[in-house]
Every structure is written in structure tokens, then in C-alpha cells.
Amino acid sequence: MPPAGGRSTEVGSPGMIEALRAIVGSAQVLTDDIATYAIDARKKYFGKPLAVVKPGNTAEVAAVVTLCAAHGVAVVPQGGNTGLVGGGVPDESGTQLIINLSRMNRVLEVDPQNNTMTVEAGCILQNLQETAATHGRLFPLSLGAEGSCEIGGNISTNAGGVQVLRYGNTRELVLGLEVVLPSGQVWNGLRGLRKDNTGYDLKQLFIGAEGTLGIVTAAVLKLFPLPTATQTAFMALGSPAKALDLLTLMKGRLGERVTAFELVSDFALSLVEKHVPPFVSPFAERHPWYVLCDLADGRDAQALAADLEAALAAALEGELITDAVLAKSEAESQRLWKMREDITWAQVREGRNVKHDVSIPISKIPQFHAAAHAALEAAYPGVRPVVFGHVGDGNLHYNVAHPTATHSEDEWVGREWESVSRIVHDCAARFNGSISAEHGLGRMKREEIRRYKSEVELSMMRAIKAALDPAGLMNPGKVL
């Protein structure tokens, strides 16, 4: 075995490739036409992998990792490759092996009485939602990429999404994990227990670690009773401060039935109207801000609708909102949520922009927005923030479009990315926020995080990495 972090002369050799083929089968070791595995979802990061290996079970993953550990070959775990910070993309050295888990897509067990589901890491999120529903249960993790992202990636990035307000992010939805460690050993922690006070909660080390400590191969997930009634409201209001007052009112009157509470700026809405026809705003007049809210309950739909209408009446009377529409059908609700999801695509069609995924204490969101907007306007007059996100849990996607149509967005974004990000991130830090709420650090924010985390925090993270992955072969160049 070579020294820690060293490279064997077998890296990239026919012998190494043949050894991989002997483990998973020749058809599952890809060396040609693999560019799609080496590009991130935003097409910002490009890599050159040694090969792409697609194991079919945990034993094969362990055997591949053991082989790589013996020969000093770095591995990059990969699921649906929908990440937004380059976390699942190898470097350009041609020496890093992608281990893609998409073949490991079995639901191993559904236990309705324990409200758990045990699944392999390659399961597509939407398929898990649908499987849970067939058993009368809800798996509440929901995000824009749910039709293609995989649960192993969701776990490795601690994905958030639109229902964190009620159900928590991925960390709160995982009861147990199975992980292949950097040595090739397998830790089987697939226990569906709500209480297990027997030492360190090891699963938490791997949730949000972006594959830098081990490869998640299976998980025990929390399920919930399937709601029997849902309601969707789209509300117009004057400011983010009004949105927070509205959130307080809605939670006070409706409690945990409020499952999603999304803030949308008028500029973000206008981009959807411009680029994603036939959508048009349901309001006759323009408003500065909007909130899209979902409710879910085990009661009948009429009772839930009555409670929502009473809350909206109170919001109108208290001048928290200026207008509101209620979805009268599931199709109308889906149309409103499609609008919210289409903001991302509308931005792409408008042109490149500098994207941010920040988290702010909920009470400080208005101050953050005011400070960030003022600082950006001072540096770039006419700049156009595209603001939307999960304000119910403090997560804003605070994206920044180039100031005017006379600018070349590619040139402006390429030139000003670092400066614009520094303004937004400094404002988030000023209010005790985070520069990454749900996307992770990956390659994009690996260096930037050093500006915002203390040396104590970074030292603790490095110590954990060194303890579990002393050779530094597990997704190197990410997070740390």
C-alpha cells in the first residue's frame, strides 16, 4: 500500500480498470462517453474522471472502495448529479474515480406502523414520495429536482426544500444509515429508532458531509401520516417585514398545519411571466412581494379551508396582506407551485446571474435584505436582485442579475462573481447567518467558508476528516 495520500502506479492502468470490472462487471465500468458524469448541474465545474463505476449493491461499493484505498485512488461519490456547488464532480487530473450509486435504487422495507422506510441510496426522491403514498404515508422532503435527485445525495447535502418549516430538513428525516467508510469497511446503522442513547450519534457525521467521510449506501427514513386535506394560498404584500408578521399570524392560528411558506419578489414573478408562458399573475395589479403558503391536515378539506379563510381575513384586517387568492383545485395549487419552481428556469432564460443560498435568522430577514440590496446598489447601480425562497425557515435564494440589459451578462457575471458574492455573504454573516443553507459547500464555497468559520470550527472539521479518512481519498477538494 502506498503512503497516505500517495498514488499507486496502477492508477489509470489497464490492471486497475480490469480489477474494477471484476468487482462490478464490465458493463458497469465506463471509460468512454462519460462527460455527463463529470459536469455539474450548473455547468460551472468540469472534471476528467479515471472512470465511472456503477455498483449494484453495498458489497460491491465496499469492494471498490477497498481496492481504491489499497492503490491510493481518490473516489467521488455521485447520485443524480443535481448538486449546485460542484460537490459530485471530480477534478481534471484523470485520477479520481466516480462511484455512481444510481443502480442501487431498491426500497428495502416499508414499515407503516413504525412510520419508516428503508431504502438504497440511488432511489429517486419522487419515487420514494410515491412509494410512501401507496402505504398511506408521507415522505415530506420536497424540492425542485425531486424527479431526478437521489436520496443518497439528499442525505449527503442535508437537502432542505419547501417543507422544512413543518418537517425539518433531511437531517431530521433520517433515523439510520448504512455507510461504506474510506477503508472499505461497512458501518450498518440501519436502525429505525427514535431513541438510541448509546454514545455518539454517528449518522449525523455523514449527513451533510458531501461524501467526504464515507459513502451512504442505504438509509432508514421517517414517514408521517398522509394528509387528508391540503390548501394553497397565494398572498400579495408590501415588504419582507410584512411577510414575517404574516408568518407569525398564520402559525399562531394554524399551528403545524402550515407546511410551506415561500417568499417571492415581484421581479422573480415577472421573470416567470416573461419567460415561462402561459403563466400570468393571478392578481390584477403588481405588488412588491408575494407569499406562497401550503397547509396540510388530517381533517376534512372544508374545515381546513374555513380556518385558512379566517386567517386571511385577519391578515387583511391587520393590513399584513393587500390581496390573496386561494387555489380552488389541486390543478390550481400545482400551477402556483410550478410558478415557484419555474423561477430557476426563468432566471436561466433571462441570462446568467450570481446565485446565493443563504440562511438568516427569520427575524433578521428584512434587515438582511435591506442591507444587501443597499450594498449591491452602491457597488452596481441598477443591479437586479432575484429574491425568493423558504422564508419560513430563514433560507433565501438571493440571486443577483446584471444591472441593465446593456451589459453582457456572461461578461458581468464572470468578472463580478466574487465581488457580488462577498457583498451578499458578508451581509449574511453580519446577521449571524450562513453562506450555505441547503446546497452545501462543494468546490464552489470551499475557500469562501474560511472567511466565515472560526479556526476552532475548521480544526474540528479537519480532525474528523483525518480520523475517518486519513489518506484523504474520499471526495477530495470538497468542503475542506
Protein backbone atom coordinates (compact mmCIF):
# COMPACT_ATOMS: atom_id res chain seq x y z
CA MET A 1 0.00 0.00 0.00
CA PRO A 2 1.37 3.47 -0.86
CA PRO A 3 1.87 6.15 1.79
CA ALA A 4 -1.20 8.05 2.97
CA GLY A 5 -2.43 10.26 0.15
CA GLY A 6 0.01 8.66 -2.30
CA ARG A 7 -0.73 7.40 -5.80
CA SER A 8 -0.12 3.88 -7.00
CA THR A 9 1.48 3.33 -10.37
CA GLU A 10 -1.62 1.31 -11.18
CA VAL A 11 -3.87 4.40 -11.22
CA GLY A 12 -5.48 4.56 -14.64
CA SER A 13 -3.68 1.43 -15.79
CA PRO A 14 -5.47 -1.44 -17.55
CA GLY A 15 -4.87 -3.51 -14.42
CA MET A 16 -6.85 -1.12 -12.25
CA ILE A 17 -9.73 -0.97 -14.73
CA GLU A 18 -9.79 -4.75 -15.05
CA ALA A 19 -9.85 -5.11 -11.27
CA LEU A 20 -12.88 -2.79 -11.14
CA ARG A 21 -14.60 -4.78 -13.87
CA ALA A 22 -14.01 -7.97 -11.93
CA ILE A 23 -15.92 -6.47 -9.00
CA VAL A 24 -18.97 -4.93 -10.71
CA GLY A 25 -18.98 -6.40 -14.20
CA SER A 26 -17.56 -4.98 -17.40
CA ALA A 27 -20.78 -3.16 -18.37
CA GLN A 28 -20.71 -1.18 -15.12
CA VAL A 29 -17.23 0.34 -15.58
CA LEU A 30 -17.49 3.23 -18.00
CA THR A 31 -14.41 4.82 -19.55
CA ASP A 32 -15.87 6.29 -22.76
CA ASP A 33 -18.65 8.87 -23.26
CA ILE A 34 -18.66 9.82 -19.57
CA ALA A 35 -18.67 13.60 -19.90
CA THR A 36 -22.19 13.90 -18.48
CA TYR A 37 -20.98 12.38 -15.21
CA ALA A 38 -18.17 14.94 -14.97
CA ILE A 39 -20.19 18.15 -15.33
CA ASP A 40 -22.23 19.71 -12.53
CA ALA A 41 -25.87 20.75 -12.94
CA ARG A 42 -24.96 24.41 -13.48
CA LYS A 43 -22.23 23.53 -15.99
CA LYS A 44 -19.78 25.54 -13.93
CA TYR A 45 -17.42 22.70 -12.98
CA PHE A 46 -15.91 20.20 -15.40
CA GLY A 47 -13.82 17.18 -14.43
CA LYS A 48 -11.94 14.31 -16.00
CA PRO A 49 -12.60 11.05 -14.16
CA LEU A 50 -10.46 7.96 -14.32
CA ALA A 51 -13.68 6.02 -14.91
CA VAL A 52 -17.27 5.78 -13.73
CA VAL A 53 -18.14 2.70 -11.70
CA LYS A 54 -21.79 1.77 -11.09
CA PRO A 55 -22.03 -0.82 -8.29
CA GLY A 56 -25.25 -2.71 -7.77
CA ASN A 57 -25.10 -3.32 -4.01
CA THR A 58 -23.27 -2.35 -0.83
CA ALA A 59 -20.83 -5.25 -1.06
CA GLU A 60 -19.69 -4.02 -4.47
CA VAL A 61 -19.29 -0.46 -3.19
CA ALA A 62 -17.18 -1.76 -0.31
CA ALA A 63 -15.02 -3.84 -2.64
CA VAL A 64 -14.44 -0.88 -4.98
CA VAL A 65 -13.52 1.42 -2.09
CA THR A 66 -11.20 -1.23 -0.61
CA LEU A 67 -9.43 -1.53 -3.96
CA CYS A 68 -9.10 2.24 -4.26
CA ALA A 69 -7.77 2.55 -0.71
CA ALA A 70 -5.13 -0.08 -1.44
CA HIS A 71 -3.91 1.80 -4.50
CA GLY A 72 -4.33 5.39 -3.34
CA VAL A 73 -7.13 6.18 -5.79
CA ALA A 74 -9.45 9.00 -4.78
CA VAL A 75 -13.20 8.43 -5.14
CA VAL A 76 -16.05 10.84 -5.84
CA PRO A 77 -19.46 9.54 -4.69
CA GLN A 78 -22.28 10.53 -7.03
CA GLY A 79 -26.05 10.17 -7.16
CA GLY A 80 -28.30 12.06 -9.56
CA ASN A 81 -25.62 14.73 -10.04
CA THR A 82 -28.13 17.54 -9.44
CA GLY A 83 -25.95 19.39 -6.92
CA LEU A 84 -25.32 23.10 -7.37
CA VAL A 85 -21.84 23.59 -5.86
CA GLY A 86 -19.71 21.06 -7.72
CA GLY A 87 -19.74 18.51 -4.91
CA GLY A 88 -20.20 15.47 -7.15
CA VAL A 89 -17.68 16.37 -9.87
CA PRO A 90 -14.08 15.09 -9.96
CA ASP A 91 -11.05 17.25 -10.65
CA GLU A 92 -9.30 17.36 -14.03
CA SER A 93 -6.38 15.09 -13.10
CA GLY A 94 -7.87 11.94 -14.62
CA THR A 95 -7.03 10.03 -11.44
CA GLN A 96 -10.29 10.24 -9.47
CA LEU A 97 -12.92 7.50 -9.73
CA ILE A 98 -16.62 8.36 -9.79
CA ILE A 99 -18.72 5.85 -7.85
CA ASN A 100 -22.24 6.36 -9.14
CA LEU A 101 -24.95 4.77 -6.99
CA SER A 102 -27.91 5.08 -9.39
CA ARG A 103 -28.25 1.31 -9.83
CA MET A 104 -28.83 0.92 -6.08
CA ASN A 105 -32.47 2.00 -6.25
CA ARG A 106 -34.42 -0.55 -4.24
CA VAL A 107 -36.91 0.16 -1.47
CA LEU A 108 -35.86 -2.48 1.04
CA GLU A 109 -38.73 -2.16 3.50
CA VAL A 110 -41.74 -0.01 4.33
CA ASP A 111 -42.95 -0.24 7.93
CA PRO A 112 -46.20 1.76 8.25
CA GLN A 113 -46.58 1.02 11.97
CA ASN A 114 -43.08 2.29 12.73
CA ASN A 115 -43.52 5.06 10.16
CA THR A 116 -40.22 4.21 8.49
CA MET A 117 -38.93 3.27 5.07
CA THR A 118 -35.54 1.62 4.44
CA VAL A 119 -34.11 2.44 1.03
CA GLU A 120 -30.94 2.27 -1.03
CA ALA A 121 -29.04 5.46 -1.78
CA GLY A 122 -29.81 5.52 -5.50
CA CYS A 123 -33.58 5.82 -5.09
CA ILE A 124 -35.01 8.88 -6.83
CA LEU A 125 -36.70 11.19 -4.34
CA GLN A 126 -40.00 11.41 -6.21
CA ASN A 127 -40.23 7.62 -6.36
CA LEU A 128 -39.85 7.48 -2.57
CA GLN A 129 -42.62 10.04 -2.14
CA GLU A 130 -44.88 7.93 -4.35
CA THR A 131 -43.96 4.67 -2.60
CA ALA A 132 -44.75 6.18 0.79
CA ALA A 133 -48.12 7.41 -0.52
CA THR A 134 -49.11 3.90 -1.64
CA HIS A 135 -48.78 2.89 2.01
CA GLY A 136 -50.84 5.85 3.23
CA ARG A 137 -47.74 7.67 4.40
CA LEU A 138 -45.92 10.91 3.58
CA PHE A 139 -42.21 11.33 2.98
CA PRO A 140 -42.11 15.11 3.16
CA LEU A 141 -38.76 16.00 1.61
CA SER A 142 -39.68 18.02 -1.50
CA LEU A 143 -37.50 20.11 -3.79
CA GLY A 144 -37.29 21.22 -7.41
CA ALA A 145 -35.02 18.39 -8.55
CA GLU A 146 -37.09 15.63 -6.91
CA GLY A 147 -37.72 13.91 -10.25
CA SER A 148 -34.00 13.20 -10.74
CA CYS A 149 -32.12 13.72 -7.46
CA GLU A 150 -31.33 10.64 -5.39
CA ILE A 151 -31.77 10.16 -1.66
CA GLY A 152 -28.08 9.45 -1.04
CA GLY A 153 -27.23 12.86 -2.45
CA ASN A 154 -30.05 14.46 -0.47
CA ILE A 155 -28.58 12.96 2.69
CA SER A 156 -25.02 13.90 1.81
CA THR A 157 -26.00 17.55 1.26
CA ASN A 158 -28.62 17.68 4.05
CA ALA A 159 -31.16 18.87 1.48
CA GLY A 160 -33.89 21.25 2.60
CA GLY A 161 -36.73 22.12 0.23
CA VAL A 162 -40.14 23.63 0.76
CA GLN A 163 -41.49 21.70 3.76
CA VAL A 164 -38.66 22.25 6.24
CA LEU A 165 -40.93 24.61 8.18
CA ARG A 166 -43.01 21.69 9.45
CA TYR A 167 -40.93 18.55 8.97
CA GLY A 168 -37.33 19.73 9.17
CA ASN A 169 -34.55 19.22 6.65
CA THR A 170 -33.06 15.87 5.68
CA ARG A 171 -31.14 15.61 8.95
CA GLU A 172 -34.47 15.42 10.82
CA LEU A 173 -35.85 12.80 8.43
CA VAL A 174 -33.09 10.18 8.78
CA LEU A 175 -33.17 7.62 11.59
CA GLY A 176 -30.39 5.32 10.43
CA LEU A 177 -27.68 4.92 7.80
CA GLU A 178 -25.51 2.32 6.15
CA VAL A 179 -22.14 3.77 5.13
CA VAL A 180 -19.07 2.44 3.35
CA LEU A 181 -16.12 4.01 5.15
CA PRO A 182 -12.94 5.21 3.38
CA SER A 183 -11.20 1.98 4.44
CA GLY A 184 -13.84 -0.12 2.69
CA GLN A 185 -15.43 -1.25 5.94
CA VAL A 186 -19.23 -1.12 6.13
CA TRP A 187 -20.99 0.52 9.07
CA ASN A 188 -24.52 -0.82 9.34
CA GLY A 189 -26.56 1.67 11.35
CA LEU A 190 -29.92 0.88 9.74
CA ARG A 191 -31.97 1.18 12.91
CA GLY A 192 -35.42 2.74 12.83
CA LEU A 193 -35.25 4.06 16.39
CA ARG A 194 -36.44 7.43 17.68
CA LYS A 195 -34.42 6.90 20.87
CA ASP A 196 -30.94 5.39 20.95
CA ASN A 197 -28.76 6.99 23.60
CA THR A 198 -25.74 4.68 23.30
CA GLY A 199 -22.92 7.08 22.57
CA TYR A 200 -22.14 9.37 19.66
CA ASP A 201 -24.88 9.72 17.05
CA LEU A 202 -22.62 8.56 14.23
CA LYS A 203 -25.13 9.02 11.43
CA GLN A 204 -25.02 12.78 11.93
CA LEU A 205 -21.36 12.79 10.85
CA PHE A 206 -22.32 11.70 7.35
CA ILE A 207 -25.45 13.79 6.85
CA GLY A 208 -24.34 16.97 5.13
CA ALA A 209 -20.72 15.78 4.78
CA GLU A 210 -20.96 15.72 0.96
CA GLY A 211 -19.33 12.32 0.67
CA THR A 212 -16.06 13.46 2.27
CA LEU A 213 -16.26 10.98 5.18
CA GLY A 214 -17.84 7.93 3.56
CA ILE A 215 -20.40 6.76 1.02
CA VAL A 216 -24.01 6.49 2.16
CA THR A 217 -25.43 3.30 0.64
CA ALA A 218 -28.78 2.98 2.44
CA ALA A 219 -30.96 4.82 4.93
CA VAL A 220 -33.92 4.45 7.27
CA LEU A 221 -36.24 7.40 6.64
CA LYS A 222 -39.05 8.85 8.75
CA LEU A 223 -42.58 8.72 7.41
CA PHE A 224 -45.67 10.63 8.51
CA PRO A 225 -49.43 10.12 8.17
CA LEU A 226 -50.60 11.15 4.72
CA PRO A 227 -52.62 14.38 4.95
CA THR A 228 -56.26 14.08 4.01
CA ALA A 229 -56.72 17.78 3.26
CA THR A 230 -54.48 20.42 1.73
CA GLN A 231 -54.91 24.11 0.90
CA THR A 232 -52.76 26.58 -1.04
CA ALA A 233 -52.87 30.37 -0.73
CA PHE A 234 -51.01 32.99 -2.75
CA MET A 235 -50.85 36.35 -1.00
CA ALA A 236 -49.64 39.81 -2.01
CA LEU A 237 -47.93 42.09 0.47
CA GLY A 238 -45.71 45.12 0.78
CA SER A 239 -42.44 44.00 2.33
CA PRO A 240 -40.44 41.14 3.84
CA ALA A 241 -41.30 42.57 7.28
CA LYS A 242 -44.99 42.10 6.49
CA ALA A 243 -44.19 38.52 5.43
CA LEU A 244 -42.73 37.78 8.86
CA ASP A 245 -45.77 39.28 10.61
CA LEU A 246 -47.94 37.14 8.33
CA LEU A 247 -45.93 34.03 9.20
CA THR A 248 -46.44 34.74 12.91
CA LEU A 249 -50.19 35.14 12.39
CA MET A 250 -50.51 32.00 10.26
CA LYS A 251 -48.53 29.83 12.68
CA GLY A 252 -50.45 31.26 15.63
CA ARG A 253 -53.82 30.48 14.08
CA LEU A 254 -53.00 27.34 12.11
CA GLY A 255 -50.05 25.82 14.01
CA GLU A 256 -48.14 22.97 12.43
CA ARG A 257 -50.65 22.77 9.59
CA VAL A 258 -48.52 25.42 7.86
CA THR A 259 -46.15 23.19 5.87
CA ALA A 260 -44.59 25.67 3.43
CA PHE A 261 -44.19 29.45 3.40
CA GLU A 262 -42.33 30.81 0.37
CA LEU A 263 -41.38 34.42 -0.27
CA VAL A 264 -41.27 35.64 -3.89
CA SER A 265 -40.22 39.10 -5.07
CA ASP A 266 -42.18 40.80 -7.84
CA PHE A 267 -39.11 40.77 -10.07
CA ALA A 268 -38.83 36.99 -9.67
CA LEU A 269 -42.53 36.63 -10.52
CA SER A 270 -42.15 38.90 -13.55
CA LEU A 271 -39.35 36.70 -14.91
CA VAL A 272 -41.67 33.68 -14.84
CA GLU A 273 -44.37 35.66 -16.65
CA LYS A 274 -41.81 36.78 -19.24
CA HIS A 275 -40.05 33.50 -19.90
CA VAL A 276 -42.43 30.68 -18.91
CA PRO A 277 -45.76 31.31 -20.65
CA PRO A 278 -48.68 30.90 -20.30
CA PHE A 279 -48.28 31.77 -16.61
CA VAL A 280 -49.62 35.18 -15.58
CA SER A 281 -50.03 36.56 -12.09
CA PRO A 282 -53.45 35.86 -10.57
CA PHE A 283 -53.52 39.45 -9.30
CA ALA A 284 -54.81 42.33 -11.45
CA GLU A 285 -52.19 44.71 -10.02
CA ARG A 286 -48.47 44.43 -9.28
CA HIS A 287 -47.32 44.06 -5.69
CA PRO A 288 -43.78 44.29 -4.29
CA TRP A 289 -43.78 40.84 -2.68
CA TYR A 290 -45.78 37.62 -2.53
CA VAL A 291 -46.06 34.62 -0.23
CA LEU A 292 -47.00 31.13 -1.40
CA CYS A 293 -48.29 29.07 1.52
CA ASP A 294 -49.33 25.44 1.82
CA LEU A 295 -51.42 23.87 4.58
CA ALA A 296 -51.95 20.18 5.30
CA ASP A 297 -54.14 18.43 7.85
CA GLY A 298 -55.78 15.17 8.76
CA ARG A 299 -59.19 16.87 8.98
CA ASP A 300 -61.65 17.37 6.13
CA ALA A 301 -60.91 19.94 3.43
CA GLN A 302 -63.84 22.20 4.29
CA ALA A 303 -62.69 22.69 7.87
CA LEU A 304 -59.15 23.45 6.77
CA ALA A 305 -60.40 25.91 4.14
CA ALA A 306 -62.54 27.68 6.72
CA ASP A 307 -59.59 28.07 9.09
CA LEU A 308 -57.41 29.40 6.28
CA GLU A 309 -60.04 31.90 5.17
CA ALA A 310 -60.40 33.15 8.74
CA ALA A 311 -56.63 33.62 8.98
CA LEU A 312 -56.54 35.51 5.69
CA ALA A 313 -59.39 37.74 6.83
CA ALA A 314 -57.40 38.60 9.94
CA ALA A 315 -54.32 39.29 7.80
CA LEU A 316 -56.29 41.64 5.55
CA GLU A 317 -57.83 43.40 8.52
CA GLY A 318 -54.42 43.82 10.11
CA GLU A 319 -53.02 45.17 6.80
CA LEU A 320 -50.43 42.41 6.61
CA ILE A 321 -51.53 41.49 3.07
CA THR A 322 -53.11 43.51 0.30
CA ASP A 323 -54.70 40.69 -1.66
CA ALA A 324 -54.97 36.90 -1.70
CA VAL A 325 -56.13 34.06 -3.89
CA LEU A 326 -56.94 30.52 -2.81
CA ALA A 327 -56.36 27.54 -5.05
CA LYS A 328 -59.77 26.05 -5.76
CA SER A 329 -58.42 22.73 -7.00
CA GLU A 330 -55.35 20.55 -6.97
CA ALA A 331 -54.61 21.74 -10.51
CA GLU A 332 -54.62 25.38 -9.39
CA SER A 333 -52.35 24.54 -6.49
CA GLN A 334 -49.92 22.75 -8.81
CA ARG A 335 -49.97 25.76 -11.16
CA LEU A 336 -48.95 28.09 -8.35
CA TRP A 337 -46.20 25.77 -7.18
CA LYS A 338 -44.98 25.33 -10.74
CA MET A 339 -44.61 29.11 -10.85
CA ARG A 340 -42.39 28.95 -7.79
CA GLU A 341 -40.29 26.12 -9.27
CA ASP A 342 -40.05 27.89 -12.64
CA ILE A 343 -38.24 30.88 -11.15
CA THR A 344 -34.99 28.98 -11.57
CA TRP A 345 -35.63 28.30 -15.27
CA ALA A 346 -36.84 31.85 -15.86
CA GLN A 347 -33.55 33.17 -14.49
CA VAL A 348 -31.63 30.98 -16.91
CA ARG A 349 -33.58 32.39 -19.83
CA GLU A 350 -33.09 35.95 -18.63
CA GLY A 351 -29.33 35.39 -18.55
CA ARG A 352 -26.64 34.30 -16.12
CA ASN A 353 -26.72 35.67 -12.60
CA VAL A 354 -24.74 35.29 -9.40
CA LYS A 355 -26.56 32.76 -7.21
CA HIS A 356 -26.59 32.57 -3.43
CA ASP A 357 -28.14 30.15 -0.96
CA VAL A 358 -28.06 31.95 2.37
CA SER A 359 -29.72 31.30 5.71
CA ILE A 360 -30.67 34.14 8.05
CA PRO A 361 -32.37 34.11 11.46
CA ILE A 362 -36.00 34.54 10.44
CA SER A 363 -36.44 37.73 12.47
CA LYS A 364 -33.48 39.34 10.67
CA ILE A 365 -34.57 38.69 7.08
CA PRO A 366 -35.92 42.23 6.46
CA GLN A 367 -32.71 43.81 7.78
CA PHE A 368 -30.57 41.44 5.73
CA HIS A 369 -32.47 42.19 2.54
CA ALA A 370 -32.27 45.94 3.08
CA ALA A 371 -28.55 45.81 3.85
CA ALA A 372 -27.68 43.51 0.95
CA HIS A 373 -29.75 45.50 -1.55
CA ALA A 374 -28.22 48.81 -0.42
CA ALA A 375 -24.68 47.44 -0.61
CA LEU A 376 -25.23 45.91 -4.05
CA GLU A 377 -26.87 49.08 -5.38
CA ALA A 378 -23.96 51.18 -4.13
CA ALA A 379 -21.47 48.91 -5.91
CA TYR A 380 -23.55 48.23 -9.02
CA PRO A 381 -26.24 50.87 -9.69
CA GLY A 382 -29.32 49.33 -11.27
CA VAL A 383 -28.48 45.82 -10.06
CA ARG A 384 -31.45 43.42 -10.08
CA PRO A 385 -31.73 41.00 -7.15
CA VAL A 386 -33.90 37.95 -7.80
CA VAL A 387 -35.11 37.10 -4.30
CA PHE A 388 -37.18 34.05 -3.40
CA GLY A 389 -37.04 31.14 -1.03
CA HIS A 390 -38.11 29.34 2.08
CA VAL A 391 -38.63 32.32 4.35
CA GLY A 392 -40.46 30.12 6.86
CA ASP A 393 -37.12 28.55 7.80
CA GLY A 394 -34.90 31.54 7.01
CA ASN A 395 -33.47 30.25 3.72
CA LEU A 396 -33.32 32.79 0.88
CA HIS A 397 -32.06 32.29 -2.66
CA TYR A 398 -30.66 35.78 -3.06
CA ASN A 399 -29.56 35.80 -6.68
CA VAL A 400 -28.19 38.85 -8.46
CA ALA A 401 -28.78 39.68 -12.13
CA HIS A 402 -26.61 42.13 -14.06
CA PRO A 403 -27.65 45.79 -13.72
CA THR A 404 -29.11 46.55 -17.17
CA ALA A 405 -29.85 44.93 -20.47
CA THR A 406 -26.90 46.80 -21.96
CA HIS A 407 -24.48 44.61 -20.05
CA SER A 408 -23.29 41.27 -21.35
CA GLU A 409 -24.46 39.02 -18.54
CA ASP A 410 -21.75 36.43 -19.21
CA GLU A 411 -19.02 39.05 -19.04
CA TRP A 412 -20.50 40.76 -15.99
CA VAL A 413 -21.13 37.57 -14.03
CA GLY A 414 -17.69 36.20 -14.83
CA ARG A 415 -15.99 39.43 -13.80
CA GLU A 416 -18.05 40.30 -10.73
CA TRP A 417 -19.00 36.90 -9.27
CA GLU A 418 -16.52 37.02 -6.42
CA SER A 419 -17.24 40.66 -5.52
CA VAL A 420 -21.02 40.23 -5.61
CA SER A 421 -20.84 37.05 -3.54
CA ARG A 422 -18.62 38.73 -0.98
CA ILE A 423 -21.21 41.51 -0.52
CA VAL A 424 -24.09 39.04 -0.05
CA HIS A 425 -22.12 36.66 2.16
CA ASP A 426 -20.76 39.46 4.34
CA CYS A 427 -24.32 40.72 4.86
CA ALA A 428 -25.44 37.21 5.82
CA ALA A 429 -22.57 36.92 8.32
CA ARG A 430 -23.41 40.36 9.72
CA PHE A 431 -26.77 38.97 10.84
CA ASN A 432 -25.34 35.66 12.12
CA GLY A 433 -26.38 33.81 9.01
CA SER A 434 -24.84 31.09 6.85
CA ILE A 435 -23.48 31.27 3.31
CA SER A 436 -24.94 27.85 2.52
CA ALA A 437 -28.40 26.92 3.75
CA GLU A 438 -29.11 23.78 1.74
CA HIS A 439 -26.78 23.47 -1.27
CA GLY A 440 -23.58 22.63 0.64
CA LEU A 441 -20.02 23.85 0.08
CA GLY A 442 -18.67 21.51 -2.59
CA ARG A 443 -15.95 23.11 -4.70
CA MET A 444 -17.71 26.45 -5.02
CA LYS A 445 -17.58 27.58 -1.40
CA ARG A 446 -14.67 25.52 -0.05
CA GLU A 447 -12.33 28.51 0.12
CA GLU A 448 -15.03 31.07 0.91
CA ILE A 449 -16.11 29.29 4.09
CA ARG A 450 -12.73 30.01 5.68
CA ARG A 451 -13.75 33.65 5.88
CA TYR A 452 -16.81 32.87 7.98
CA LYS A 453 -16.00 29.85 10.14
CA SER A 454 -13.71 30.20 13.13
CA GLU A 455 -10.41 28.37 13.24
CA VAL A 456 -11.83 26.28 16.08
CA GLU A 457 -14.69 25.08 13.84
CA LEU A 458 -12.37 24.37 10.93
CA SER A 459 -9.92 22.50 13.17
CA MET A 460 -12.71 20.29 14.50
CA MET A 461 -13.85 19.52 10.95
CA ARG A 462 -10.30 18.69 9.87
CA ALA A 463 -9.86 16.41 12.89
CA ILE A 464 -12.98 14.45 11.98
CA LYS A 465 -11.85 14.17 8.37
CA ALA A 466 -8.38 12.99 9.43
CA ALA A 467 -9.82 10.39 11.80
CA LEU A 468 -12.12 8.79 9.24
CA ASP A 469 -10.21 9.45 6.02
CA PRO A 470 -6.51 9.79 6.91
CA ALA A 471 -5.39 9.25 3.30
CA GLY A 472 -7.72 12.00 2.08
CA LEU A 473 -9.19 9.82 -0.69
CA MET A 474 -12.89 10.42 -0.08
CA ASN A 475 -14.20 13.20 -2.39
CA PRO A 476 -11.04 15.30 -2.03
CA GLY A 477 -11.14 19.02 -2.71
CA LYS A 478 -14.68 19.40 -1.39
CA VAL A 479 -15.82 21.10 1.84
CA LEU A 480 -12.29 21.36 3.29
